[in-house]
Structure formats: structure tokens, C-alpha cells
Amino acid sequence: MIANVFAALGLLTCLLLALRMALPAARQRQVDAALRRSWLRLRELASQLRHWRSHRQLRKQAAAEAAELIRRAKAREDVDREGNVYRPKQFDPKKRRDLH
């Protein structure tokens, strides 16, 4: 049974290669490029399916860290709030920095 399956796959491969050789060179390149794109998409899909759980956990962790940072930034007392602009109280635009 398994020998018949391998024989059928081998015959199908030979027929597809013979059909490809019958095509003009430009059409062969187009077919090859389409097959390559399909293979790359299939590999990317397989990779995404393999890693979906860890990516989901990373997204949850990143969202939690961002929410914590926003909460900490809003809770700071040494900040002047003007609408949606937050300025540290230690910031003084009149104070000149000596760069030398």
C-alpha cells in the first residue's frame, strides 16, 4: 500500500516536471516564482502556528508592562499637568545648561 503511494507521488512529480519543461522560459520563471512564494507563505504560516501561544503571552506581558508604566507615570507627584502635557517640576526652561 505505502509502495503504491510513493509510486503515485513519484509519477505525479515526473509529470509535473515534464509539463514545466514544456513551458517557455519566461513562463517557467513565473511558475517557479509563484511556487516559491507559496512555499514561503506556507512556511510562515507553519511558523506562526508553532509559536502562536508564546507570541500571545509576550503580547499580554507587553500590555501589562505598558499599563504599569502609564499608571506609575500618572501617579507621580513631582509633575505639573497642563491638559495632556506632563512636565517634571525639576524642569526649568529658563535654566541654561553649561555644555562645556
PDB file of N, CA and C in Angstrom:
ATOM      1  N   MET A   1       0.825  -1.199   0.000  1.00  0.00           N
ATOM      2  CA  MET A   1       0.000   0.000   0.000  1.00  0.00           C
ATOM      3  C   MET A   1       0.861   1.251   0.000  1.00  0.00           C
ATOM      4  N   ILE A   2       1.827   1.332   0.941  1.00  0.00           N
ATOM      5  CA  ILE A   2       2.666   2.520   1.016  1.00  0.00           C
ATOM      6  C   ILE A   2       3.543   2.637  -0.233  1.00  0.00           C
ATOM      7  N   ALA A   3       3.908   1.486  -0.801  1.00  0.00           N
ATOM      8  CA  ALA A   3       4.717   1.499  -2.021  1.00  0.00           C
ATOM      9  C   ALA A   3       3.915   2.112  -3.171  1.00  0.00           C
ATOM     10  N   ASN A   4       2.634   1.850  -3.212  1.00  0.00           N
ATOM     11  CA  ASN A   4       1.787   2.427  -4.263  1.00  0.00           C
ATOM     12  C   ASN A   4       1.669   3.943  -4.105  1.00  0.00           C
ATOM     13  N   VAL A   5       1.589   4.395  -2.870  1.00  0.00           N
ATOM     14  CA  VAL A   5       1.501   5.837  -2.614  1.00  0.00           C
ATOM     15  C   VAL A   5       2.780   6.528  -3.073  1.00  0.00           C
ATOM     16  N   PHE A   6       3.933   5.950  -2.723  1.00  0.00           N
ATOM     17  CA  PHE A   6       5.209   6.543  -3.161  1.00  0.00           C
ATOM     18  C   PHE A   6       5.354   6.496  -4.676  1.00  0.00           C
ATOM     19  N   ALA A   7       4.888   5.415  -5.298  1.00  0.00           N
ATOM     20  CA  ALA A   7       4.953   5.308  -6.750  1.00  0.00           C
ATOM     21  C   ALA A   7       4.073   6.371  -7.406  1.00  0.00           C
ATOM     22  N   ALA A   8       2.885   6.607  -6.846  1.00  0.00           N
ATOM     23  CA  ALA A   8       1.980   7.627  -7.396  1.00  0.00           C
ATOM     24  C   ALA A   8       2.581   9.018  -7.231  1.00  0.00           C
ATOM     25  N   LEU A   9       3.194   9.277  -6.066  1.00  0.00           N
ATOM     26  CA  LEU A   9       3.839  10.582  -5.856  1.00  0.00           C
ATOM     27  C   LEU A   9       5.003  10.774  -6.822  1.00  0.00           C
ATOM     28  N   GLY A  10       5.787   9.744  -7.054  1.00  0.00           N
ATOM     29  CA  GLY A  10       6.898   9.824  -7.996  1.00  0.00           C
ATOM     30  C   GLY A  10       6.406  10.090  -9.408  1.00  0.00           C
ATOM     31  N   LEU A  11       5.343   9.395  -9.815  1.00  0.00           N
ATOM     32  CA  LEU A  11       4.780   9.599 -11.152  1.00  0.00           C
ATOM     33  C   LEU A  11       4.226  11.017 -11.297  1.00  0.00           C
ATOM     34  N   LEU A  12       3.539  11.502 -10.285  1.00  0.00           N
ATOM     35  CA  LEU A  12       2.997  12.859 -10.320  1.00  0.00           C
ATOM     36  C   LEU A  12       4.121  13.888 -10.422  1.00  0.00           C
ATOM     37  N   THR A  13       5.185  13.677  -9.672  1.00  0.00           N
ATOM     38  CA  THR A  13       6.336  14.592  -9.729  1.00  0.00           C
ATOM     39  C   THR A  13       6.942  14.604 -11.124  1.00  0.00           C
ATOM     40  N   CYS A  14       7.116  13.429 -11.724  1.00  0.00           N
ATOM     41  CA  CYS A  14       7.683  13.350 -13.079  1.00  0.00           C
ATOM     42  C   CYS A  14       6.788  14.055 -14.095  1.00  0.00           C
ATOM     43  N   LEU A  15       5.482  13.870 -13.986  1.00  0.00           N
ATOM     44  CA  LEU A  15       4.559  14.531 -14.918  1.00  0.00           C
ATOM     45  C   LEU A  15       4.600  16.052 -14.761  1.00  0.00           C
ATOM     46  N   LEU A  16       4.647  16.543 -13.521  1.00  0.00           N
ATOM     47  CA  LEU A  16       4.707  17.987 -13.302  1.00  0.00           C
ATOM     48  C   LEU A  16       6.014  18.573 -13.830  1.00  0.00           C
ATOM     49  N   LEU A  17       7.115  17.860 -13.643  1.00  0.00           N
ATOM     50  CA  LEU A  17       8.396  18.345 -14.166  1.00  0.00           C
ATOM     51  C   LEU A  17       8.403  18.338 -15.697  1.00  0.00           C
ATOM     52  N   ALA A  18       7.776  17.340 -16.299  1.00  0.00           N
ATOM     53  CA  ALA A  18       7.699  17.288 -17.762  1.00  0.00           C
ATOM     54  C   ALA A  18       6.856  18.448 -18.290  1.00  0.00           C
ATOM     55  N   LEU A  19       5.734  18.743 -17.609  1.00  0.00           N
ATOM     56  CA  LEU A  19       4.902  19.884 -18.007  1.00  0.00           C
ATOM     57  C   LEU A  19       5.671  21.194 -17.876  1.00  0.00           C
ATOM     58  N   ARG A  20       6.433  21.323 -16.811  1.00  0.00           N
ATOM     59  CA  ARG A  20       7.223  22.546 -16.603  1.00  0.00           C
ATOM     60  C   ARG A  20       8.263  22.717 -17.707  1.00  0.00           C
ATOM     61  N   MET A  21       8.901  21.615 -18.106  1.00  0.00           N
ATOM     62  CA  MET A  21       9.919  21.710 -19.163  1.00  0.00           C
ATOM     63  C   MET A  21       9.303  22.075 -20.515  1.00  0.00           C
ATOM     64  N   ALA A  22       8.012  21.776 -20.693  1.00  0.00           N
ATOM     65  CA  ALA A  22       7.347  22.099 -21.957  1.00  0.00           C
ATOM     66  C   ALA A  22       6.994  23.590 -22.047  1.00  0.00           C
ATOM     67  N   LEU A  23       7.033  24.283 -20.944  1.00  0.00           N
ATOM     68  CA  LEU A  23       6.697  25.711 -20.950  1.00  0.00           C
ATOM     69  C   LEU A  23       7.858  26.540 -21.490  1.00  0.00           C
ATOM     70  N   PRO A  24       7.541  27.727 -22.051  1.00  0.00           N
ATOM     71  CA  PRO A  24       8.620  28.646 -22.440  1.00  0.00           C
ATOM     72  C   PRO A  24       9.384  29.134 -21.201  1.00  0.00           C
ATOM     73  N   ALA A  25      10.589  29.634 -21.394  1.00  0.00           N
ATOM     74  CA  ALA A  25      11.468  30.020 -20.287  1.00  0.00           C
ATOM     75  C   ALA A  25      10.830  31.091 -19.397  1.00  0.00           C
ATOM     76  N   ALA A  26      10.196  32.087 -20.005  1.00  0.00           N
ATOM     77  CA  ALA A  26       9.585  33.166 -19.219  1.00  0.00           C
ATOM     78  C   ALA A  26       8.465  32.609 -18.335  1.00  0.00           C
ATOM     79  N   ARG A  27       7.656  31.724 -18.898  1.00  0.00           N
ATOM     80  CA  ARG A  27       6.555  31.134 -18.140  1.00  0.00           C
ATOM     81  C   ARG A  27       7.094  30.222 -17.025  1.00  0.00           C
ATOM     82  N   GLN A  28       8.211  29.531 -17.294  1.00  0.00           N
ATOM     83  CA  GLN A  28       8.840  28.700 -16.268  1.00  0.00           C
ATOM     84  C   GLN A  28       9.248  29.552 -15.061  1.00  0.00           C
ATOM     85  N   ARG A  29       9.833  30.726 -15.360  1.00  0.00           N
ATOM     86  CA  ARG A  29      10.242  31.619 -14.269  1.00  0.00           C
ATOM     87  C   ARG A  29       9.039  32.091 -13.465  1.00  0.00           C
ATOM     88  N   GLN A  30       7.935  32.385 -14.142  1.00  0.00           N
ATOM     89  CA  GLN A  30       6.732  32.818 -13.444  1.00  0.00           C
ATOM     90  C   GLN A  30       6.178  31.707 -12.546  1.00  0.00           C
ATOM     91  N   VAL A  31       6.144  30.497 -13.083  1.00  0.00           N
ATOM     92  CA  VAL A  31       5.656  29.358 -12.309  1.00  0.00           C
ATOM     93  C   VAL A  31       6.569  29.102 -11.118  1.00  0.00           C
ATOM     94  N   ASP A  32       7.880  29.163 -11.337  1.00  0.00           N
ATOM     95  CA  ASP A  32       8.832  28.956 -10.247  1.00  0.00           C
ATOM     96  C   ASP A  32       8.667  30.008  -9.153  1.00  0.00           C
ATOM     97  N   ALA A  33       8.495  31.271  -9.567  1.00  0.00           N
ATOM     98  CA  ALA A  33       8.326  32.352  -8.590  1.00  0.00           C
ATOM     99  C   ALA A  33       7.032  32.158  -7.802  1.00  0.00           C
ATOM    100  N   ALA A  34       5.965  31.758  -8.465  1.00  0.00           N
ATOM    101  CA  ALA A  34       4.689  31.534  -7.778  1.00  0.00           C
ATOM    102  C   ALA A  34       4.813  30.377  -6.780  1.00  0.00           C
ATOM    103  N   LEU A  35       5.486  29.312  -7.190  1.00  0.00           N
ATOM    104  CA  LEU A  35       5.684  28.186  -6.278  1.00  0.00           C
ATOM    105  C   LEU A  35       6.550  28.577  -5.091  1.00  0.00           C
ATOM    106  N   ARG A  36       7.587  29.388  -5.342  1.00  0.00           N
ATOM    107  CA  ARG A  36       8.459  29.842  -4.262  1.00  0.00           C
ATOM    108  C   ARG A  36       7.677  30.706  -3.268  1.00  0.00           C
ATOM    109  N   ARG A  37       6.843  31.627  -3.779  1.00  0.00           N
ATOM    110  CA  ARG A  37       6.028  32.460  -2.896  1.00  0.00           C
ATOM    111  C   ARG A  37       5.064  31.614  -2.071  1.00  0.00           C
ATOM    112  N   SER A  38       4.452  30.628  -2.711  1.00  0.00           N
ATOM    113  CA  SER A  38       3.524  29.750  -1.989  1.00  0.00           C
ATOM    114  C   SER A  38       4.252  28.973  -0.899  1.00  0.00           C
ATOM    115  N   TRP A  39       5.448  28.481  -1.214  1.00  0.00           N
ATOM    116  CA  TRP A  39       6.224  27.732  -0.234  1.00  0.00           C
ATOM    117  C   TRP A  39       6.611  28.628   0.945  1.00  0.00           C
ATOM    118  N   LEU A  40       7.016  29.866   0.672  1.00  0.00           N
ATOM    119  CA  LEU A  40       7.391  30.784   1.752  1.00  0.00           C
ATOM    120  C   LEU A  40       6.186  31.129   2.621  1.00  0.00           C
ATOM    121  N   ARG A  41       5.025  31.338   2.011  1.00  0.00           N
ATOM    122  CA  ARG A  41       3.808  31.612   2.784  1.00  0.00           C
ATOM    123  C   ARG A  41       3.440  30.421   3.671  1.00  0.00           C
ATOM    124  N   LEU A  42       3.585  29.218   3.117  1.00  0.00           N
ATOM    125  CA  LEU A  42       3.282  28.019   3.883  1.00  0.00           C
ATOM    126  C   LEU A  42       4.237  27.872   5.066  1.00  0.00           C
ATOM    127  N   ARG A  43       5.519  28.156   4.846  1.00  0.00           N
ATOM    128  CA  ARG A  43       6.493  28.083   5.938  1.00  0.00           C
ATOM    129  C   ARG A  43       6.193  29.119   7.011  1.00  0.00           C
ATOM    130  N   GLU A  44       5.825  30.341   6.594  1.00  0.00           N
ATOM    131  CA  GLU A  44       5.495  31.400   7.554  1.00  0.00           C
ATOM    132  C   GLU A  44       4.257  31.025   8.367  1.00  0.00           C
ATOM    133  N   LEU A  45       3.261  30.471   7.710  1.00  0.00           N
ATOM    134  CA  LEU A  45       2.053  30.032   8.407  1.00  0.00           C
ATOM    135  C   LEU A  45       2.383  28.938   9.418  1.00  0.00           C
ATOM    136  N   ALA A  46       3.216  27.983   9.033  1.00  0.00           N
ATOM    137  CA  ALA A  46       3.613  26.911   9.941  1.00  0.00           C
ATOM    138  C   ALA A  46       4.359  27.490  11.143  1.00  0.00           C
ATOM    139  N   SER A  47       5.218  28.472  10.904  1.00  0.00           N
ATOM    140  CA  SER A  47       5.953  29.096  11.993  1.00  0.00           C
ATOM    141  C   SER A  47       5.008  29.836  12.936  1.00  0.00           C
ATOM    142  N   GLN A  48       4.049  30.547  12.380  1.00  0.00           N
ATOM    143  CA  GLN A  48       3.077  31.259  13.207  1.00  0.00           C
ATOM    144  C   GLN A  48       2.244  30.288  14.041  1.00  0.00           C
ATOM    145  N   LEU A  49       1.854  29.171  13.437  1.00  0.00           N
ATOM    146  CA  LEU A  49       1.077  28.181  14.182  1.00  0.00           C
ATOM    147  C   LEU A  49       1.909  27.552  15.299  1.00  0.00           C
ATOM    148  N   ARG A  50       3.207  27.372  15.042  1.00  0.00           N
ATOM    149  CA  ARG A  50       4.077  26.777  16.040  1.00  0.00           C
ATOM    150  C   ARG A  50       4.291  27.703  17.230  1.00  0.00           C
ATOM    151  N   HIS A  51       4.335  29.019  16.993  1.00  0.00           N
ATOM    152  CA  HIS A  51       4.709  29.971  18.037  1.00  0.00           C
ATOM    153  C   HIS A  51       3.562  30.853  18.510  1.00  0.00           C
ATOM    154  N   TRP A  52       2.326  30.543  18.169  1.00  0.00           N
ATOM    155  CA  TRP A  52       1.228  31.454  18.484  1.00  0.00           C
ATOM    156  C   TRP A  52       1.047  31.626  19.979  1.00  0.00           C
ATOM    157  N   ARG A  53       1.233  30.577  20.760  1.00  0.00           N
ATOM    158  CA  ARG A  53       0.999  30.683  22.199  1.00  0.00           C
ATOM    159  C   ARG A  53       2.039  31.583  22.862  1.00  0.00           C
ATOM    160  N   SER A  54       3.313  31.402  22.499  1.00  0.00           N
ATOM    161  CA  SER A  54       4.352  32.237  23.119  1.00  0.00           C
ATOM    162  C   SER A  54       4.202  33.696  22.675  1.00  0.00           C
ATOM    163  N   HIS A  55       3.805  33.929  21.424  1.00  0.00           N
ATOM    164  CA  HIS A  55       3.593  35.307  20.963  1.00  0.00           C
ATOM    165  C   HIS A  55       2.424  35.955  21.702  1.00  0.00           C
ATOM    166  N   ARG A  56       1.382  35.162  21.962  1.00  0.00           N
ATOM    167  CA  ARG A  56       0.234  35.695  22.695  1.00  0.00           C
ATOM    168  C   ARG A  56       0.637  36.069  24.118  1.00  0.00           C
ATOM    169  N   GLN A  57       1.459  35.233  24.743  1.00  0.00           N
ATOM    170  CA  GLN A  57       1.926  35.531  26.095  1.00  0.00           C
ATOM    171  C   GLN A  57       2.807  36.771  26.103  1.00  0.00           C
ATOM    172  N   LEU A  58       3.658  36.928  25.089  1.00  0.00           N
ATOM    173  CA  LEU A  58       4.514  38.118  25.007  1.00  0.00           C
ATOM    174  C   LEU A  58       3.680  39.385  24.837  1.00  0.00           C
ATOM    175  N   ARG A  59       2.623  39.308  24.011  1.00  0.00           N
ATOM    176  CA  ARG A  59       1.751  40.474  23.830  1.00  0.00           C
ATOM    177  C   ARG A  59       1.056  40.847  25.136  1.00  0.00           C
ATOM    178  N   LYS A  60       0.579  39.842  25.880  1.00  0.00           N
ATOM    179  CA  LYS A  60      -0.073  40.112  27.165  1.00  0.00           C
ATOM    180  C   LYS A  60       0.911  40.736  28.146  1.00  0.00           C
ATOM    181  N   GLN A  61       2.127  40.209  28.172  1.00  0.00           N
ATOM    182  CA  GLN A  61       3.144  40.735  29.084  1.00  0.00           C
ATOM    183  C   GLN A  61       3.492  42.173  28.725  1.00  0.00           C
ATOM    184  N   ALA A  62       3.651  42.464  27.426  1.00  0.00           N
ATOM    185  CA  ALA A  62       3.973  43.824  26.994  1.00  0.00           C
ATOM    186  C   ALA A  62       2.840  44.790  27.341  1.00  0.00           C
ATOM    187  N   ALA A  63       1.592  44.367  27.166  1.00  0.00           N
ATOM    188  CA  ALA A  63       0.454  45.227  27.504  1.00  0.00           C
ATOM    189  C   ALA A  63       0.408  45.497  29.001  1.00  0.00           C
ATOM    190  N   ALA A  64       0.686  44.484  29.806  1.00  0.00           N
ATOM    191  CA  ALA A  64       0.674  44.668  31.259  1.00  0.00           C
ATOM    192  C   ALA A  64       1.788  45.616  31.700  1.00  0.00           C
ATOM    193  N   GLU A  65       2.975  45.480  31.104  1.00  0.00           N
ATOM    194  CA  GLU A  65       4.085  46.371  31.446  1.00  0.00           C
ATOM    195  C   GLU A  65       3.782  47.809  31.035  1.00  0.00           C
ATOM    196  N   ALA A  66       3.190  47.981  29.857  1.00  0.00           N
ATOM    197  CA  ALA A  66       2.831  49.328  29.406  1.00  0.00           C
ATOM    198  C   ALA A  66       1.794  49.950  30.327  1.00  0.00           C
ATOM    199  N   ALA A  67       0.793  49.171  30.732  1.00  0.00           N
ATOM    200  CA  ALA A  67      -0.233  49.691  31.644  1.00  0.00           C
ATOM    201  C   ALA A  67       0.390  50.082  32.981  1.00  0.00           C
ATOM    202  N   GLU A  68       1.339  49.290  33.466  1.00  0.00           N
ATOM    203  CA  GLU A  68       2.011  49.607  34.733  1.00  0.00           C
ATOM    204  C   GLU A  68       2.830  50.889  34.612  1.00  0.00           C
ATOM    205  N   LEU A  69       3.532  51.054  33.504  1.00  0.00           N
ATOM    206  CA  LEU A  69       4.315  52.281  33.302  1.00  0.00           C
ATOM    207  C   LEU A  69       3.423  53.511  33.235  1.00  0.00           C
ATOM    208  N   ILE A  70       2.301  53.391  32.547  1.00  0.00           N
ATOM    209  CA  ILE A  70       1.366  54.518  32.454  1.00  0.00           C
ATOM    210  C   ILE A  70       0.801  54.840  33.825  1.00  0.00           C
ATOM    211  N   ARG A  71       0.448  53.805  34.598  1.00  0.00           N
ATOM    212  CA  ARG A  71      -0.072  54.034  35.941  1.00  0.00           C
ATOM    213  C   ARG A  71       0.960  54.723  36.820  1.00  0.00           C
ATOM    214  N   ARG A  72       2.219  54.292  36.747  1.00  0.00           N
ATOM    215  CA  ARG A  72       3.268  54.905  37.553  1.00  0.00           C
ATOM    216  C   ARG A  72       3.510  56.353  37.122  1.00  0.00           C
ATOM    217  N   ALA A  73       3.466  56.613  35.821  1.00  0.00           N
ATOM    218  CA  ALA A  73       3.697  57.976  35.334  1.00  0.00           C
ATOM    219  C   ALA A  73       2.578  58.911  35.787  1.00  0.00           C
ATOM    220  N   LYS A  74       1.353  58.429  35.802  1.00  0.00           N
ATOM    221  CA  LYS A  74       0.224  59.260  36.225  1.00  0.00           C
ATOM    222  C   LYS A  74       0.226  59.483  37.734  1.00  0.00           C
ATOM    223  N   ALA A  75       0.796  58.570  38.484  1.00  0.00           N
ATOM    224  CA  ALA A  75       0.785  58.661  39.939  1.00  0.00           C
ATOM    225  C   ALA A  75       1.904  59.549  40.481  1.00  0.00           C
ATOM    226  N   ARG A  76       2.827  59.982  39.674  1.00  0.00           N
ATOM    227  CA  ARG A  76       3.944  60.801  40.152  1.00  0.00           C
ATOM    228  C   ARG A  76       3.439  62.148  40.654  1.00  0.00           C
ATOM    229  N   GLU A  77       4.012  62.584  41.745  1.00  0.00           N
ATOM    230  CA  GLU A  77       3.582  63.832  42.363  1.00  0.00           C
ATOM    231  C   GLU A  77       4.470  65.006  41.968  1.00  0.00           C
ATOM    232  N   ASP A  78       5.673  64.724  41.473  1.00  0.00           N
ATOM    233  CA  ASP A  78       6.603  65.805  41.139  1.00  0.00           C
ATOM    234  C   ASP A  78       6.465  66.227  39.672  1.00  0.00           C
ATOM    235  N   VAL A  79       5.212  66.243  39.191  1.00  0.00           N
ATOM    236  CA  VAL A  79       4.956  66.569  37.798  1.00  0.00           C
ATOM    237  C   VAL A  79       3.825  67.595  37.732  1.00  0.00           C
ATOM    238  N   ASP A  80       4.026  68.633  36.899  1.00  0.00           N
ATOM    239  CA  ASP A  80       2.953  69.592  36.619  1.00  0.00           C
ATOM    240  C   ASP A  80       2.158  69.083  35.432  1.00  0.00           C
ATOM    241  N   ARG A  81       0.820  69.105  35.571  1.00  0.00           N
ATOM    242  CA  ARG A  81      -0.035  68.629  34.493  1.00  0.00           C
ATOM    243  C   ARG A  81      -0.797  69.812  33.905  1.00  0.00           C
ATOM    244  N   GLU A  82      -0.651  69.974  32.599  1.00  0.00           N
ATOM    245  CA  GLU A  82      -1.405  71.006  31.871  1.00  0.00           C
ATOM    246  C   GLU A  82      -2.116  70.307  30.722  1.00  0.00           C
ATOM    247  N   GLY A  83      -3.339  69.905  30.959  1.00  0.00           N
ATOM    248  CA  GLY A  83      -4.056  69.143  29.934  1.00  0.00           C
ATOM    249  C   GLY A  83      -3.419  67.773  29.777  1.00  0.00           C
ATOM    250  N   ASN A  84      -2.974  67.470  28.551  1.00  0.00           N
ATOM    251  CA  ASN A  84      -2.329  66.184  28.339  1.00  0.00           C
ATOM    252  C   ASN A  84      -0.801  66.324  28.309  1.00  0.00           C
ATOM    253  N   VAL A  85      -0.285  67.452  28.795  1.00  0.00           N
ATOM    254  CA  VAL A  85       1.155  67.691  28.846  1.00  0.00           C
ATOM    255  C   VAL A  85       1.633  67.520  30.282  1.00  0.00           C
ATOM    256  N   TYR A  86       2.638  66.704  30.474  1.00  0.00           N
ATOM    257  CA  TYR A  86       3.224  66.456  31.788  1.00  0.00           C
ATOM    258  C   TYR A  86       4.644  66.997  31.785  1.00  0.00           C
ATOM    259  N   ARG A  87       4.946  67.870  32.743  1.00  0.00           N
ATOM    260  CA  ARG A  87       6.290  68.435  32.855  1.00  0.00           C
ATOM    261  C   ARG A  87       6.824  68.182  34.255  1.00  0.00           C
ATOM    262  N   PRO A  88       8.031  67.603  34.348  1.00  0.00           N
ATOM    263  CA  PRO A  88       8.611  67.423  35.686  1.00  0.00           C
ATOM    264  C   PRO A  88       8.835  68.774  36.339  1.00  0.00           C
ATOM    265  N   LYS A  89       8.645  68.851  37.654  1.00  0.00           N
ATOM    266  CA  LYS A  89       8.829  70.118  38.366  1.00  0.00           C
ATOM    267  C   LYS A  89      10.286  70.550  38.364  1.00  0.00           C
ATOM    268  N   GLN A  90      11.182  69.585  38.215  1.00  0.00           N
ATOM    269  CA  GLN A  90      12.600  69.946  38.182  1.00  0.00           C
ATOM    270  C   GLN A  90      12.997  70.582  36.842  1.00  0.00           C
ATOM    271  N   PHE A  91      12.110  70.519  35.834  1.00  0.00           N
ATOM    272  CA  PHE A  91      12.401  71.113  34.536  1.00  0.00           C
ATOM    273  C   PHE A  91      12.185  72.617  34.614  1.00  0.00           C
ATOM    274  N   ASP A  92      13.217  73.368  34.275  1.00  0.00           N
ATOM    275  CA  ASP A  92      13.127  74.819  34.279  1.00  0.00           C
ATOM    276  C   ASP A  92      13.635  75.320  32.931  1.00  0.00           C
ATOM    277  N   PRO A  93      12.731  75.787  32.049  1.00  0.00           N
ATOM    278  CA  PRO A  93      13.182  76.200  30.720  1.00  0.00           C
ATOM    279  C   PRO A  93      14.107  77.425  30.753  1.00  0.00           C
ATOM    280  N   LYS A  94      14.074  78.198  31.846  1.00  0.00           N
ATOM    281  CA  LYS A  94      14.934  79.381  31.928  1.00  0.00           C
ATOM    282  C   LYS A  94      16.350  79.013  32.340  1.00  0.00           C
ATOM    283  N   LYS A  95      16.487  77.881  32.957  1.00  0.00           N
ATOM    284  CA  LYS A  95      17.799  77.452  33.421  1.00  0.00           C
ATOM    285  C   LYS A  95      18.634  76.998  32.215  1.00  0.00           C
ATOM    286  N   ARG A  96      19.843  77.555  32.131  1.00  0.00           N
ATOM    287  CA  ARG A  96      20.711  77.240  30.997  1.00  0.00           C
ATOM    288  C   ARG A  96      21.662  76.131  31.383  1.00  0.00           C
ATOM    289  N   ARG A  97      21.829  75.199  30.456  1.00  0.00           N
ATOM    290  CA  ARG A  97      22.787  74.120  30.711  1.00  0.00           C
ATOM    291  C   ARG A  97      24.152  74.532  30.228  1.00  0.00           C
ATOM    292  N   ASP A  98      25.138  74.302  31.041  1.00  0.00           N
ATOM    293  CA  ASP A  98      26.511  74.605  30.645  1.00  0.00           C
ATOM    294  C   ASP A  98      27.067  73.343  29.970  1.00  0.00           C
ATOM    295  N   LEU A  99      27.254  73.437  28.670  1.00  0.00           N
ATOM    296  CA  LEU A  99      27.680  72.255  27.904  1.00  0.00           C
ATOM    297  C   LEU A  99      29.196  72.104  27.867  1.00  0.00           C
ATOM    298  N   HIS A 100      29.948  73.100  28.386  1.00  0.00           N
ATOM    299  CA  HIS A 100      31.408  72.995  28.316  1.00  0.00           C
ATOM    300  C   HIS A 100      32.013  72.965  29.700  1.00  0.00           C
TER     301      HIS A 100
END
